[in-house]
Protein backbone atom coordinates (compact mmCIF):
# COMPACT_ATOMS: atom_id res chain seq x y z
CA UNK A 1 -1.95 23.76 -2.06
CA UNK A 2 -4.52 22.49 0.50
CA UNK A 3 -2.91 19.38 1.87
CA UNK A 4 -2.49 19.15 5.28
CA UNK A 5 1.51 18.67 4.68
CA UNK A 6 1.31 21.84 2.51
CA UNK A 7 4.12 23.59 4.78
CA UNK A 8 6.12 20.70 4.84
CA UNK A 9 6.18 20.23 0.91
CA UNK A 10 6.89 24.33 0.53
CA UNK A 11 9.74 23.42 2.47
CA UNK A 12 10.95 20.52 0.76
CA UNK A 13 10.55 22.98 -2.57
CA UNK A 14 12.61 25.43 -0.89
CA UNK A 15 15.60 22.74 -0.25
CA UNK A 16 15.14 21.46 -3.52
CA UNK A 17 15.18 24.96 -5.26
CA UNK A 18 18.81 25.86 -2.96
CA UNK A 19 20.26 22.31 -3.89
CA UNK A 20 19.36 23.25 -7.73
CA UNK A 21 21.25 26.59 -7.31
CA UNK A 22 24.51 25.16 -5.80
CA UNK A 23 25.04 22.44 -8.02
CA UNK A 24 24.79 25.50 -10.70
CA UNK A 25 22.03 23.39 -12.49
CA UNK A 26 20.77 26.58 -13.99
CA UNK A 27 20.75 30.17 -14.90
CA UNK A 28 18.02 32.64 -15.33
CA UNK A 29 17.26 34.57 -18.61
CA UNK A 30 14.66 36.86 -19.24
CA UNK A 31 14.07 35.47 -23.03
CA UNK A 32 15.02 33.06 -25.39
CA UNK A 33 17.38 33.28 -28.00
CA UNK A 34 15.73 33.29 -31.45
CA UNK A 35 14.79 30.12 -33.04
CA UNK A 36 15.06 28.37 -29.63
CA UNK A 37 12.80 25.59 -28.44
CA UNK A 38 11.84 25.58 -24.79
CA UNK A 39 10.05 22.74 -22.34
CA UNK A 40 7.79 22.90 -19.41
CA UNK A 41 8.37 22.18 -16.39
CA UNK A 42 6.66 20.12 -13.46
CA UNK A 43 7.19 19.18 -9.74
CA UNK A 44 6.59 15.90 -8.42
CA UNK A 45 5.98 15.07 -5.11
CA UNK A 46 6.65 11.80 -3.17
CA UNK A 47 7.05 10.52 0.67
CA UNK A 48 9.97 8.48 1.15
CA UNK A 49 9.83 5.30 3.14
CA UNK A 50 11.86 2.83 4.89
CA UNK A 51 12.43 -0.66 3.77
CA UNK A 52 9.38 -1.69 5.95
CA UNK A 53 7.27 0.94 3.68
CA UNK A 54 7.43 3.50 6.43
CA UNK A 55 7.63 6.76 6.13
CA UNK A 56 11.30 8.29 7.00
CA UNK A 57 11.68 9.94 10.39
CA UNK A 58 13.58 12.68 8.95
CA UNK A 59 12.91 14.60 5.44
CA UNK A 60 10.16 12.09 4.37
CA UNK A 61 8.46 14.54 1.89
CA UNK A 62 10.63 14.77 -1.01
CA UNK A 63 9.97 17.26 -4.00
CA UNK A 64 11.98 17.42 -7.37
CA UNK A 65 11.77 19.53 -10.10
CA UNK A 66 11.68 17.82 -13.45
CA UNK A 67 11.70 18.85 -16.87
CA UNK A 68 9.04 17.62 -19.34
CA UNK A 69 11.05 15.95 -21.62
CA UNK A 70 7.83 14.64 -23.89
CA UNK A 71 8.11 18.09 -25.37
CA UNK A 72 12.01 17.37 -26.09
CA UNK A 73 12.48 17.16 -29.88
CA UNK A 74 14.90 14.30 -31.16
CA UNK A 75 17.94 14.85 -32.94
CA UNK A 76 17.76 18.44 -31.82
CA UNK A 77 17.16 18.79 -28.08
CA UNK A 78 18.95 15.25 -27.77
CA UNK A 79 20.82 12.79 -29.57
CA UNK A 80 21.55 8.70 -27.87
CA UNK A 81 19.70 8.18 -25.18
CA UNK A 82 19.82 4.62 -23.79
CA UNK A 83 20.90 3.84 -20.50
CA UNK A 84 20.84 0.69 -18.80
CA UNK A 85 21.45 -0.72 -14.84
CA UNK A 86 22.87 -3.47 -12.87
CA UNK A 87 20.34 -6.54 -13.65
CA UNK A 88 18.46 -7.88 -10.50
CA UNK A 89 20.30 -11.25 -11.88
CA UNK A 90 23.64 -9.50 -10.99
CA UNK A 91 22.26 -8.10 -7.47
CA UNK A 92 21.41 -11.79 -6.69
CA UNK A 93 24.62 -13.05 -7.79
CA UNK A 94 26.67 -10.57 -5.88
CA UNK A 95 24.66 -11.11 -3.01
CA UNK A 96 25.33 -14.89 -3.40
CA UNK A 97 29.43 -13.83 -3.45
CA UNK A 98 29.19 -12.06 -0.42
CA UNK A 99 27.64 -14.85 1.45
CA UNK A 100 30.15 -17.31 0.37
CA UNK A 101 33.31 -15.03 0.58
CA UNK A 102 32.50 -13.52 3.87
CA UNK A 103 32.05 -10.19 2.57
CA UNK A 104 30.26 -7.78 4.02
CA UNK A 105 27.34 -5.44 2.09
CA UNK A 106 27.35 -1.74 2.19
CA UNK A 107 25.32 1.11 0.28
CA UNK A 108 26.32 4.64 -1.35
CA UNK A 109 23.32 6.85 -2.46
CA UNK A 110 24.18 9.83 -4.76
CA UNK A 111 21.99 12.63 -3.69
CA UNK A 112 20.63 14.48 -6.89
CA UNK A 113 22.89 12.05 -9.12
CA UNK A 114 21.67 13.03 -12.45
CA UNK A 115 22.49 17.07 -11.79
CA UNK A 116 25.91 15.84 -11.49
CA UNK A 117 26.41 15.42 -15.29
CA UNK A 118 26.68 18.40 -17.72
CA UNK A 119 24.04 18.79 -20.41
CA UNK A 120 25.75 18.31 -24.11
CA UNK A 121 23.59 20.89 -25.52
CA UNK A 122 21.60 24.25 -24.25
CA UNK A 123 17.93 23.28 -23.07
CA UNK A 124 15.39 26.17 -22.09
CA UNK A 125 12.75 25.81 -19.45
CA UNK A 126 9.81 27.60 -18.38
CA UNK A 127 9.97 28.85 -14.95
CA UNK A 128 7.48 26.26 -12.15
CA UNK A 129 5.36 28.18 -10.04
CA UNK A 130 6.36 28.84 -6.48
CA UNK A 131 10.26 29.06 -7.67
CA UNK A 132 11.94 32.44 -5.41
CA UNK A 133 14.77 32.84 -7.72
CA UNK A 134 12.80 33.20 -10.99
CA UNK A 135 9.70 34.96 -11.55
CA UNK A 136 6.85 34.09 -14.05
CA UNK A 137 7.61 34.91 -17.67
CA UNK A 138 11.39 34.54 -17.43
CA UNK A 139 13.26 30.94 -18.32
CA UNK A 140 15.96 28.79 -17.08
CA UNK A 141 18.54 27.98 -19.00
CA UNK A 142 19.62 24.30 -18.17
CA UNK A 143 23.51 23.09 -17.89
CA UNK A 144 22.88 20.03 -16.12
CA UNK A 145 21.52 16.91 -16.38
CA UNK A 146 17.92 17.91 -14.76
CA UNK A 147 15.56 14.89 -14.55
CA UNK A 148 12.81 14.17 -16.90
CA UNK A 149 15.08 14.75 -19.73
CA UNK A 150 15.78 12.12 -22.45
CA UNK A 151 19.42 12.34 -22.16
CA UNK A 152 20.21 12.53 -18.56
CA UNK A 153 20.05 9.03 -17.59
CA UNK A 154 22.81 8.12 -19.99
CA UNK A 155 24.93 11.37 -19.08
CA UNK A 156 24.91 10.16 -15.75
CA UNK A 157 25.59 6.92 -16.01
CA UNK A 158 29.12 8.12 -18.33
CA UNK A 159 30.19 9.85 -15.80
CA UNK A 160 29.59 7.89 -12.77
CA UNK A 161 31.58 4.68 -14.72
CA UNK A 162 34.25 6.86 -15.82
CA UNK A 163 34.77 8.34 -11.91
CA UNK A 164 34.84 4.21 -10.68
CA UNK A 165 37.52 3.75 -13.62
CA UNK A 166 39.69 6.03 -12.61
CA UNK A 167 39.17 4.81 -9.00
CA UNK A 168 40.97 1.44 -10.11
CA UNK A 169 37.74 -0.43 -10.96
CA UNK A 170 36.96 -2.62 -14.06
CA UNK A 171 33.47 -2.96 -15.73
CA UNK A 172 32.54 -6.45 -16.63
CA UNK A 173 31.93 -5.14 -20.20
CA UNK A 174 30.91 -8.53 -21.41
CA UNK A 175 28.70 -9.75 -18.54
CA UNK A 176 27.19 -6.52 -17.18
CA UNK A 177 29.09 -3.32 -17.58
CA UNK A 178 27.36 -1.71 -14.39
CA UNK A 179 28.71 -4.00 -12.27
CA UNK A 180 32.76 -3.35 -11.63
CA UNK A 181 35.47 -5.03 -10.09
CA UNK A 182 38.66 -4.14 -8.20
CA UNK A 183 41.85 -6.31 -7.05
CA UNK A 184 42.57 -4.94 -3.50
CA UNK A 185 45.86 -4.68 -1.79
CA UNK A 186 45.29 -8.04 -0.11
CA UNK A 187 44.63 -9.96 -2.93
CA UNK A 188 40.91 -10.30 -2.78
CA UNK A 189 38.00 -8.58 -5.09
CA UNK A 190 36.14 -5.52 -4.23
CA UNK A 191 32.70 -5.18 -6.07
CA UNK A 192 30.42 -2.05 -6.81
CA UNK A 193 27.11 -2.41 -8.62
CA UNK A 194 25.51 0.54 -10.16
CA UNK A 195 21.67 0.97 -10.49
CA UNK A 196 21.03 4.70 -11.31
CA UNK A 197 22.25 6.02 -8.08
CA UNK A 198 22.21 3.54 -5.73
CA UNK A 199 25.27 1.15 -5.81
CA UNK A 200 25.51 -1.82 -3.55
CA UNK A 201 29.53 -2.55 -2.29
CA UNK A 202 30.94 -5.78 -1.55
CA UNK A 203 34.39 -6.30 0.58
CA UNK A 204 35.52 -8.51 2.89
CA UNK A 205 36.56 -7.16 6.72
CA UNK A 206 39.94 -7.39 5.61
CA UNK A 207 39.54 -4.72 2.76
CA UNK A 208 37.13 -2.31 4.58
CA UNK A 209 39.70 0.33 5.04
CA UNK A 210 40.72 0.26 0.88
CA UNK A 211 36.70 0.86 0.48
CA UNK A 212 36.48 3.36 3.01
CA UNK A 213 39.49 5.16 0.52
CA UNK A 214 37.22 4.33 -2.41
CA UNK A 215 34.47 6.14 -1.02
CA UNK A 216 36.55 9.19 -0.22
CA UNK A 217 37.44 9.43 -4.07
CA UNK A 218 33.70 8.83 -4.82
CA UNK A 219 33.08 11.69 -2.25
CA UNK A 220 35.33 14.01 -4.09
CA UNK A 221 33.17 14.19 -7.14
CA UNK A 222 29.78 13.63 -6.04
CA UNK A 223 27.66 14.38 -2.57
CA UNK A 224 26.57 10.82 -1.56
CA UNK A 225 25.23 9.10 1.82
CA UNK A 226 27.17 5.60 2.94
CA UNK A 227 25.63 3.09 4.79
CA UNK A 228 28.11 0.18 6.08
CA UNK A 229 25.34 -2.53 6.27
CA UNK A 230 22.95 -2.39 3.96
CA UNK A 231 19.44 -3.23 5.23
CA UNK A 232 17.36 -2.06 2.25
CA UNK A 233 18.09 -1.64 -1.49
CA UNK A 234 15.58 -0.96 -4.51
CA UNK A 235 12.89 -1.64 -1.72
CA UNK A 236 14.51 -5.12 -1.01
CA UNK A 237 15.43 -6.04 2.19
CA UNK A 238 18.79 -7.41 2.97
CA UNK A 239 19.51 -9.39 6.01
CA UNK A 240 22.65 -10.66 7.09
CA UNK A 241 22.85 -13.59 9.90
CA UNK A 242 26.07 -12.29 11.49
CA UNK A 243 26.42 -15.53 13.56
CA UNK A 244 26.58 -17.53 9.85
CA UNK A 245 27.34 -14.91 7.50
CA UNK A 246 24.29 -16.18 5.58
CA UNK A 247 21.90 -13.52 3.54
CA UNK A 248 18.29 -13.41 2.96
CA UNK A 249 16.61 -11.05 0.69
CA UNK A 250 12.78 -10.55 0.43
CA UNK A 251 10.23 -7.90 -0.64
CA UNK A 252 7.51 -8.09 2.06
CA UNK A 253 7.11 -4.16 2.36
CA UNK A 254 6.38 -3.67 -1.41
CA UNK A 255 4.09 -7.14 -1.00
CA UNK A 256 2.44 -5.33 1.68
CA UNK A 257 1.96 -2.29 -0.70
CA UNK A 258 0.83 -4.28 -3.55
CA UNK A 259 -2.02 -5.73 -1.42
CA UNK A 260 -2.76 -2.85 0.48
CA UNK A 261 -3.15 -0.97 -3.25
CA UNK A 262 -5.75 -3.30 -4.70
CA UNK A 263 -7.74 -3.98 -1.32
CA UNK A 264 -6.38 -7.58 -0.85
CA UNK A 265 -4.55 -6.53 2.27
CA UNK A 266 -7.01 -8.79 4.71
CA UNK A 267 -8.03 -11.07 2.61
CA UNK A 268 -7.77 -14.94 3.11
CA UNK A 269 -4.72 -16.52 2.32
CA UNK A 270 -4.10 -19.35 -0.49
CA UNK A 271 -1.93 -22.20 -0.53
CA UNK A 272 -0.81 -21.92 -4.15
CA UNK A 273 -0.35 -19.11 -6.55
CA UNK A 274 -2.43 -20.62 -9.14
CA UNK A 275 -5.02 -23.32 -9.29
CA UNK A 276 -4.49 -26.39 -11.30
CA UNK A 277 -6.43 -26.50 -14.46
CA UNK A 278 -7.88 -29.73 -16.08
CA UNK A 279 -7.64 -28.35 -19.67
CA UNK A 280 -4.50 -26.94 -21.79
CA UNK A 281 -5.23 -23.49 -21.85
CA UNK A 282 -7.16 -19.93 -19.97
CA UNK A 283 -7.16 -19.86 -16.33
CA UNK A 284 -8.84 -22.70 -13.75
CA UNK A 285 -11.55 -21.52 -11.73
CA UNK A 286 -10.90 -20.74 -8.11
CA UNK A 287 -13.94 -21.04 -6.03
CA UNK A 288 -12.53 -19.71 -2.97
CA UNK A 289 -11.51 -16.51 -5.22
CA UNK A 290 -15.39 -15.82 -4.70
CA UNK A 291 -15.24 -14.84 -1.27
CA UNK A 292 -12.49 -12.19 -1.36
CA UNK A 293 -14.63 -10.13 -3.87
CA UNK A 294 -17.73 -9.04 -1.35
CA UNK A 295 -14.84 -8.06 0.82
CA UNK A 296 -12.05 -5.99 -1.30
CA UNK A 297 -11.92 -5.73 -5.13
CA UNK A 298 -9.48 -3.88 -7.56
CA UNK A 299 -11.28 -0.91 -8.71
CA UNK A 300 -9.80 1.79 -10.68
CA UNK A 301 -9.99 5.67 -8.96
CA UNK A 302 -10.45 8.89 -11.24
CA UNK A 303 -6.35 8.67 -12.02
CA UNK A 304 -6.55 5.50 -12.61
CA UNK A 305 -4.79 4.23 -9.74
CA UNK A 306 -6.12 0.90 -7.64
CA UNK A 307 -7.09 1.70 -3.93
CA UNK A 308 -9.06 -0.13 -1.04
CA UNK A 309 -12.70 -0.20 -1.39
CA UNK A 310 -15.60 -2.14 0.27
CA UNK A 311 -18.01 -2.79 -2.75
CA UNK A 312 -21.41 -5.34 -2.91
CA UNK A 313 -20.93 -6.51 -6.21
CA UNK A 314 -18.01 -7.60 -8.67
CA UNK A 315 -15.66 -4.89 -9.61
CA UNK A 316 -15.35 -3.82 -13.66
CA UNK A 317 -12.31 -5.24 -15.24
CA UNK A 318 -10.49 -2.34 -16.66
CA UNK A 319 -7.22 -2.70 -18.50
CA UNK A 320 -5.86 0.14 -16.37
CA UNK A 321 -5.85 -1.37 -12.78
CA UNK A 322 -5.32 -4.84 -14.43
CA UNK A 323 -1.92 -3.73 -16.32
CA UNK A 324 -0.98 -1.89 -12.88
CA UNK A 325 -1.30 -5.11 -10.76
CA UNK A 326 0.90 -7.08 -13.39
CA UNK A 327 3.14 -4.70 -13.34
CA UNK A 328 3.70 -4.88 -9.75
CA UNK A 329 3.77 -8.52 -9.83
CA UNK A 330 6.73 -8.56 -12.57
CA UNK A 331 8.85 -6.45 -10.08
CA UNK A 332 8.20 -9.09 -7.32
CA UNK A 333 8.47 -12.17 -9.62
CA UNK A 334 11.97 -10.48 -10.92
CA UNK A 335 13.22 -9.93 -7.79
CA UNK A 336 12.96 -12.66 -5.35
CA UNK A 337 9.39 -14.62 -6.08
CA UNK A 338 10.44 -17.02 -8.51
CA UNK A 339 7.62 -18.82 -6.70
CA UNK A 340 4.72 -16.82 -9.07
CA UNK A 341 7.00 -16.28 -12.14
CA UNK A 342 4.80 -18.56 -13.81
CA UNK A 343 1.50 -16.81 -12.41
CA UNK A 344 2.75 -13.25 -13.85
CA UNK A 345 3.78 -14.67 -17.17
CA UNK A 346 0.06 -15.76 -17.64
CA UNK A 347 -1.41 -12.62 -16.40
CA UNK A 348 0.93 -10.40 -18.72
CA UNK A 349 -0.96 -12.35 -21.88
CA UNK A 350 -4.15 -11.10 -21.00
CA UNK A 351 -3.27 -7.28 -19.93
CA UNK A 352 -4.77 -5.62 -23.71
CA UNK A 353 -8.02 -7.55 -22.86
CA UNK A 354 -8.37 -8.84 -19.33
CA UNK A 355 -11.60 -10.75 -18.71
CA UNK A 356 -12.92 -12.06 -15.35
CA UNK A 357 -11.41 -14.99 -15.29
CA UNK A 358 -8.04 -13.28 -15.56
CA UNK A 359 -8.70 -11.01 -12.84
CA UNK A 360 -9.92 -13.80 -10.54
CA UNK A 361 -6.41 -15.87 -11.23
CA UNK A 362 -4.67 -12.10 -10.52
CA UNK A 363 -6.34 -12.28 -7.12
CA UNK A 364 -5.75 -15.58 -6.45
CA UNK A 365 -1.80 -14.53 -6.70
CA UNK A 366 -2.53 -11.50 -4.52
CA UNK A 367 -4.17 -14.65 -2.01
CA UNK A 368 -1.07 -16.52 -1.86
CA UNK A 369 1.19 -13.38 -1.46
CA UNK A 370 -1.18 -12.26 1.45
CA UNK A 371 0.03 -15.61 3.15
CA UNK A 372 3.57 -15.63 1.96
CA UNK A 373 4.69 -11.97 2.28
CA UNK A 374 8.11 -12.40 3.96
CA UNK A 375 8.80 -15.26 1.45
CA UNK A 376 12.16 -14.69 -0.60
CA UNK A 377 15.46 -15.78 -1.26
CA UNK A 378 18.17 -17.48 1.20
CA UNK A 379 22.06 -17.79 0.24
CA UNK A 380 24.26 -19.82 2.72
CA UNK A 381 27.30 -19.07 3.71
CA UNK A 382 29.04 -22.13 2.16
CA UNK A 383 27.45 -24.06 -1.04
CA UNK A 384 28.17 -26.44 -3.68
CA UNK A 385 31.98 -25.53 -4.06
CA UNK A 386 33.88 -27.30 -7.01
CA UNK A 387 37.63 -26.30 -6.55
CA UNK A 388 36.91 -23.72 -3.50
CA UNK A 389 34.52 -22.02 -5.50
CA UNK A 390 30.89 -21.76 -6.57
CA UNK A 391 29.74 -23.97 -9.30
CA UNK A 392 26.71 -23.00 -11.32
CA UNK A 393 24.05 -25.53 -12.18
CA UNK A 394 20.88 -25.17 -14.33
CA UNK A 395 17.29 -26.70 -14.60
CA UNK A 396 15.40 -26.68 -17.59
CA UNK A 397 11.94 -27.80 -18.80
CA UNK A 398 9.00 -26.98 -20.71
CA UNK A 399 5.06 -27.81 -20.76
CA UNK A 400 3.59 -28.94 -24.16
CA UNK A 401 1.28 -26.95 -26.41
CA UNK A 402 0.27 -25.17 -23.03
CA UNK A 403 -1.58 -22.60 -24.74
CA UNK A 404 -4.69 -23.76 -26.54
CA UNK A 405 -5.03 -20.51 -28.66
CA UNK A 406 -1.66 -20.71 -30.19
CA UNK A 407 -0.61 -24.18 -29.47
CA UNK A 408 2.83 -22.98 -27.72
CA UNK A 409 4.67 -24.00 -25.00
CA UNK A 410 5.84 -22.36 -22.03
CA UNK A 411 9.45 -22.77 -21.42
CA UNK A 412 10.89 -22.57 -17.57
CA UNK A 413 14.62 -22.07 -16.82
CA UNK A 414 16.33 -22.30 -13.06
CA UNK A 415 20.16 -21.58 -12.41
CA UNK A 416 21.66 -22.01 -9.11
CA UNK A 417 25.00 -21.05 -7.89
CA UNK A 418 26.46 -22.94 -4.86
CA UNK A 419 22.69 -24.44 -4.48
CA UNK A 420 20.94 -21.16 -4.22
CA UNK A 421 18.69 -19.61 -7.16
CA UNK A 422 19.87 -16.68 -8.84
CA UNK A 423 18.03 -16.25 -12.17
CA UNK A 424 14.94 -18.05 -13.46
CA UNK A 425 12.81 -17.72 -16.26
CA UNK A 426 9.04 -18.52 -17.36
CA UNK A 427 8.42 -17.62 -20.92
CA UNK A 428 5.79 -18.72 -24.07
CA UNK A 429 8.52 -20.18 -26.78
CA UNK A 430 8.25 -18.24 -29.82
CA UNK A 431 7.53 -20.97 -32.19
CA UNK A 432 5.05 -24.09 -32.12
CA UNK A 433 6.75 -27.50 -31.43
CA UNK A 434 5.49 -30.75 -33.19
CA UNK A 435 6.52 -32.83 -29.91
CA UNK A 436 7.41 -32.59 -26.22
CA UNK A 437 11.21 -33.49 -27.02
CA UNK A 438 10.91 -30.00 -29.16
CA UNK A 439 9.76 -27.91 -26.73
CA UNK A 440 11.78 -29.54 -24.05
CA UNK A 441 14.99 -28.67 -26.95
CA UNK A 442 13.94 -25.09 -27.37
CA UNK A 443 14.17 -24.47 -23.34
CA UNK A 444 16.99 -26.09 -23.50
CA UNK A 445 18.41 -23.65 -25.65
CA UNK A 446 17.01 -20.61 -24.12
CA UNK A 447 18.52 -21.74 -20.79
CA UNK A 448 22.18 -22.31 -22.43
CA UNK A 449 22.42 -18.96 -23.23
CA UNK A 450 21.80 -17.93 -19.66
CA UNK A 451 24.64 -20.43 -18.81
CA UNK A 452 26.77 -18.98 -21.20
CA UNK A 453 26.19 -15.50 -20.07
CA UNK A 454 26.56 -16.08 -16.23
CA UNK A 455 29.77 -18.15 -16.82
CA UNK A 456 31.07 -15.28 -18.90
CA UNK A 457 29.90 -12.64 -15.76
CA UNK A 458 31.28 -15.32 -13.18
CA UNK A 459 34.61 -15.10 -14.73
CA UNK A 460 34.74 -11.13 -15.30
CA UNK A 461 33.91 -11.11 -11.31
CA UNK A 462 37.03 -13.99 -10.51
CA UNK A 463 34.96 -17.16 -10.38
CA UNK A 464 35.87 -18.80 -13.32
CA UNK A 465 33.79 -22.17 -13.66
CA UNK A 466 36.46 -24.89 -14.07
CA UNK A 467 33.98 -27.30 -14.86
CA UNK A 468 31.16 -27.61 -17.33
CA UNK A 469 28.18 -26.21 -16.02
CA UNK A 470 25.33 -29.15 -15.83
CA UNK A 471 21.97 -28.80 -17.55
CA UNK A 472 19.54 -31.16 -16.19
CA UNK A 473 16.38 -32.06 -18.32
CA UNK A 474 13.61 -34.72 -17.55
CA UNK A 475 13.37 -35.71 -21.55
CA UNK A 476 15.81 -37.90 -22.82
CA UNK A 477 15.03 -37.59 -26.69
CA UNK A 478 15.45 -33.80 -26.12
CA UNK A 479 19.01 -35.01 -24.26
CA UNK A 480 19.80 -36.93 -27.08
CA UNK A 481 19.02 -34.09 -29.56
CA UNK A 482 21.44 -31.86 -28.11
CA UNK A 483 24.71 -34.39 -27.90
CA UNK A 484 23.86 -37.04 -30.43
CA UNK A 485 26.23 -36.66 -33.98
CA UNK A 486 22.86 -36.78 -36.42
CA UNK A 487 20.82 -39.50 -35.76
CA UNK A 488 18.06 -37.14 -34.54
CA UNK A 489 18.18 -34.66 -37.24
CA UNK A 490 15.04 -35.38 -39.01
CA UNK A 491 13.51 -34.43 -35.30
CA UNK A 492 15.23 -31.14 -35.09
CA UNK A 493 15.88 -29.80 -38.82
CA UNK A 494 12.86 -27.63 -39.05
CA UNK A 495 13.59 -25.81 -35.71
CA UNK A 496 14.95 -22.45 -36.09
CA UNK A 497 18.73 -21.94 -36.41
CA UNK A 498 18.63 -19.70 -33.14
CA UNK A 499 18.05 -22.89 -31.08
CA UNK A 500 20.88 -25.25 -32.35
CA UNK A 501 23.65 -22.89 -31.40
CA UNK A 502 23.39 -24.71 -27.85
CA UNK A 503 24.55 -28.14 -29.48
CA UNK A 504 28.05 -26.22 -30.44
CA UNK A 505 28.37 -25.04 -26.71
CA UNK A 506 27.94 -28.51 -25.56
CA UNK A 507 30.52 -30.24 -27.77
CA UNK A 508 32.89 -27.19 -26.61
CA UNK A 509 32.45 -28.82 -23.19
CA UNK A 510 30.76 -25.50 -21.33
CA UNK A 511 27.54 -27.02 -21.01
CA UNK A 512 27.05 -30.90 -19.69
CA UNK A 513 23.86 -32.44 -20.43
CA UNK A 514 22.34 -34.73 -17.84
CA UNK A 515 18.87 -36.91 -17.45
CA UNK A 516 16.78 -35.52 -13.91
CA UNK A 517 13.38 -37.36 -12.93
CA UNK A 518 10.55 -35.36 -13.37
CA UNK A 519 10.02 -35.19 -9.63
CA UNK A 520 13.30 -33.43 -9.37
CA UNK A 521 13.07 -31.43 -12.22
CA UNK A 522 12.96 -28.31 -10.14
CA UNK A 523 12.03 -25.90 -13.48
CA UNK A 524 8.79 -27.66 -13.42
CA UNK A 525 7.77 -24.90 -11.19
CA UNK A 526 8.14 -22.37 -14.06
CA UNK A 527 6.24 -24.22 -16.69
CA UNK A 528 2.73 -24.82 -15.48
CA UNK A 529 -0.12 -24.69 -12.25
CA UNK A 530 0.94 -27.25 -9.83
CA UNK A 531 -0.88 -28.53 -6.91
CA UNK A 532 0.16 -28.03 -3.48
CA UNK A 533 2.10 -31.09 -2.66
CA UNK A 534 3.86 -30.88 -5.96
CA UNK A 535 4.41 -27.02 -5.67
CA UNK A 536 5.97 -27.18 -1.90
CA UNK A 537 7.88 -30.12 -2.73
CA UNK A 538 10.14 -28.04 -5.75
CA UNK A 539 9.65 -24.93 -3.36
CA UNK A 540 11.68 -26.30 -0.92
CA UNK A 541 14.21 -28.43 -3.42
CA UNK A 542 14.92 -24.82 -4.79
CA UNK A 543 14.92 -22.31 -1.89
CA UNK A 544 15.47 -24.93 0.98
CA UNK A 545 12.21 -23.82 2.78
CA UNK A 546 8.03 -23.66 2.51
CA UNK A 547 6.61 -20.91 1.50
CA UNK A 548 3.71 -21.07 4.39
CA UNK A 549 4.60 -23.13 7.61
CA UNK A 550 2.68 -25.64 8.65
């Protein structure tokens, strides 16, 4: 090992090996049983950072021994493998509830989480270099769900959920099974979300003692680290305003990491993530992007990773660095940055064969992010209330045949709880619509699916909606197609059945459609590139603040 931190990495791996031995993860054997299979091993090195992207002051160097699961054989070395986690929408919903109900958000981190779950079948692994408890030529018989094995995530999730249920929690089976709820002794709700080994906890100050008891129960099963007031979760900064009880969420540290990775940390900022285009497809040219090309560029290193480089000519467009960039932008747009959702959706259509126009468009998104690094979500301590509870409202919109190559439209959906956004969608429709009304009808169907899901989840969280959820649409014909008794049947008879079920939901009273002027259609932001004036006005309508001061 030639790294300047070699001594620190060796010490980190020694701690990892000691922890594996203490947990009884493996036993050393001299030879394999007849017919037994063996997988390889790999040591992963990572520098842990805080919410601002700085290395931790203590134990920043992290090593992890993993199994090479790619060498496992399905049906022999593992069976069922599917394992999920709490959705980011559920996380935002919990933060919104915390702001409204004056709850504090804590955080539980389970140390070496997977290693708590026992394997359901024997797995043999080769000894990695540098181990002190075994020598080359021997083998490790794994007894716990080591990282890298196909089944490890599922085994750990099943164990954790079963422990939480034993502590009195109930999983939201129909909304999100990785969000759990329990009725406290004071009659309030306690919430815990599960995202692999990260667990946000929500409790009112009057229930903090009861939550402490629950944490004590978890500590009997797992080695955990507890934070009373969460600051960072899943790389997102969560800040509470003590004076008002409101919460803010943003991804500034991750944004700056992406900008640095792709050589745009010091670039000139842009006021919008996309340039409005005159045509109906492709990416509009943006002359200001060219100024950045001579200063910094997206280039690929030998390992396919992007790095900051000074160049004198236009960079080579490669699928590897573009795909990595789009993946990073997806994490931002799915987390807190609804304002780049449409731009990222457009870029994702080009990951197989990006050209210079696509790369230029990606660079413009980075320039926009450079000027809006701390932009995020704001959840006030009080909001739009019906009967003492937060009310859900939705906006759906669509462009028409925006993709000239396929003539398909783009659906946009925005859902707000108590006036603050908790879910958004920008997605190309799977079918070609014959008119703008049909495109809006399809978009409403996709939005209706999200409304029904969130109503179910809110009911399981103890926040059942007492009134129909308003769905704002700016196309009167589409509204008529959703609500009439058959007069518009010829307009919709050829549309796929999957989109028609929303008519039943409207009839049953779960959704109430309503017309909204185009200027107030907040989902318009998710369907097409907009000029700065319209873009900034919609940002203010949705989030109550502008992405760029001044």
